[in-house]
């Protein structure tokens, strides 16, 4: 099967994992999502893309939280 790539790729070419190794600091995807991206269906990629704003919002709040 050769899935189409009609869903835009989330990659921003800022390829660094967060300190926990859970999400890419550029695009917000997990290592598994990044690795499987080309094999995912359009629906699977769209599902990942839909989850990214919440992930990036959470990361922004975590980075701006004061540390005491």
C-alpha atoms as a PDB file:
ATOM      1  CA  UNK A   1       0.000   0.000   0.000  1.00  0.00           C
ATOM      2  CA  UNK A   2       1.292   3.429  -0.894  1.00  0.00           C
ATOM      3  CA  UNK A   3      -0.669   5.989   1.141  1.00  0.00           C
ATOM      4  CA  UNK A   4      -1.147   9.449  -0.265  1.00  0.00           C
ATOM      5  CA  UNK A   5       0.379  12.369   1.556  1.00  0.00           C
ATOM      6  CA  UNK A   6      -2.565  14.725   1.178  1.00  0.00           C
ATOM      7  CA  UNK A   7      -2.392  15.654   4.872  1.00  0.00           C
ATOM      8  CA  UNK A   8       0.393  18.188   5.311  1.00  0.00           C
ATOM      9  CA  UNK A   9       3.436  17.028   7.268  1.00  0.00           C
ATOM     10  CA  UNK A  10       3.813  18.628  10.696  1.00  0.00           C
ATOM     11  CA  UNK A  11       7.618  18.706  10.446  1.00  0.00           C
ATOM     12  CA  UNK A  12       9.180  22.152  10.922  1.00  0.00           C
ATOM     13  CA  UNK A  13      12.783  20.922  10.559  1.00  0.00           C
ATOM     14  CA  UNK A  14      13.380  21.648  14.244  1.00  0.00           C
ATOM     15  CA  UNK A  15      14.082  18.062  15.167  1.00  0.00           C
ATOM     16  CA  UNK A  16      14.791  17.911  18.898  1.00  0.00           C
ATOM     17  CA  UNK A  17      13.012  15.798  21.450  1.00  0.00           C
ATOM     18  CA  UNK A  18      11.909  17.368  24.734  1.00  0.00           C
ATOM     19  CA  UNK A  19      13.805  16.468  27.912  1.00  0.00           C
ATOM     20  CA  UNK A  20      11.442  13.575  28.608  1.00  0.00           C
ATOM     21  CA  UNK A  21      11.902  12.232  25.066  1.00  0.00           C
ATOM     22  CA  UNK A  22       8.146  12.273  24.591  1.00  0.00           C
ATOM     23  CA  UNK A  23       7.539  14.948  21.950  1.00  0.00           C
ATOM     24  CA  UNK A  24       9.519  16.710  19.235  1.00  0.00           C
ATOM     25  CA  UNK A  25      10.072  20.332  20.236  1.00  0.00           C
ATOM     26  CA  UNK A  26       9.469  21.454  16.651  1.00  0.00           C
ATOM     27  CA  UNK A  27       6.358  19.627  15.515  1.00  0.00           C
ATOM     28  CA  UNK A  28       5.001  18.116  18.737  1.00  0.00           C
ATOM     29  CA  UNK A  29       4.821  14.557  17.418  1.00  0.00           C
ATOM     30  CA  UNK A  30       6.025  11.491  19.288  1.00  0.00           C
ATOM     31  CA  UNK A  31       8.967   9.452  17.982  1.00  0.00           C
ATOM     32  CA  UNK A  32       6.534   6.691  16.943  1.00  0.00           C
ATOM     33  CA  UNK A  33       4.330   9.160  15.038  1.00  0.00           C
ATOM     34  CA  UNK A  34       7.370  10.600  13.266  1.00  0.00           C
ATOM     35  CA  UNK A  35       8.662   7.158  12.330  1.00  0.00           C
ATOM     36  CA  UNK A  36       5.314   5.870  11.074  1.00  0.00           C
ATOM     37  CA  UNK A  37       4.193   9.069   9.316  1.00  0.00           C
ATOM     38  CA  UNK A  38       4.787   7.860   5.750  1.00  0.00           C
ATOM     39  CA  UNK A  39       2.944   4.594   6.423  1.00  0.00           C
ATOM     40  CA  UNK A  40      -0.049   6.196   8.159  1.00  0.00           C
ATOM     41  CA  UNK A  41      -3.354   6.647   6.388  1.00  0.00           C
ATOM     42  CA  UNK A  42      -4.633  10.161   5.741  1.00  0.00           C
ATOM     43  CA  UNK A  43      -7.079   9.620   8.622  1.00  0.00           C
ATOM     44  CA  UNK A  44      -4.246   8.625  10.953  1.00  0.00           C
ATOM     45  CA  UNK A  45      -2.158  11.654   9.984  1.00  0.00           C
ATOM     46  CA  UNK A  46      -5.184  13.934  10.365  1.00  0.00           C
ATOM     47  CA  UNK A  47      -5.775  12.517  13.851  1.00  0.00           C
ATOM     48  CA  UNK A  48      -2.175  13.275  14.838  1.00  0.00           C
ATOM     49  CA  UNK A  49      -2.409  16.775  13.344  1.00  0.00           C
ATOM     50  CA  UNK A  50      -5.605  17.430  15.314  1.00  0.00           C
ATOM     51  CA  UNK A  51      -3.848  16.529  18.572  1.00  0.00           C
ATOM     52  CA  UNK A  52      -0.875  18.855  18.041  1.00  0.00           C
ATOM     53  CA  UNK A  53      -2.407  22.199  19.139  1.00  0.00           C
ATOM     54  CA  UNK A  54      -3.264  20.790  22.576  1.00  0.00           C
ATOM     55  CA  UNK A  55       0.217  19.288  22.934  1.00  0.00           C
ATOM     56  CA  UNK A  56       1.899  22.522  21.941  1.00  0.00           C
ATOM     57  CA  UNK A  57      -0.358  24.554  24.243  1.00  0.00           C
ATOM     58  CA  UNK A  58       0.521  22.269  27.152  1.00  0.00           C
ATOM     59  CA  UNK A  59       4.242  22.569  26.347  1.00  0.00           C
ATOM     60  CA  UNK A  60       4.026  26.361  26.201  1.00  0.00           C
ATOM     61  CA  UNK A  61       2.355  26.517  29.608  1.00  0.00           C
ATOM     62  CA  UNK A  62       4.916  24.106  31.084  1.00  0.00           C
ATOM     63  CA  UNK A  63       7.832  26.151  29.720  1.00  0.00           C
ATOM     64  CA  UNK A  64       6.447  29.443  31.022  1.00  0.00           C
ATOM     65  CA  UNK A  65       5.506  28.132  34.482  1.00  0.00           C
ATOM     66  CA  UNK A  66       7.571  29.761  37.218  1.00  0.00           C
ATOM     67  CA  UNK A  67       9.998  27.527  39.044  1.00  0.00           C
ATOM     68  CA  UNK A  68      10.763  28.228  42.657  1.00  0.00           C
END
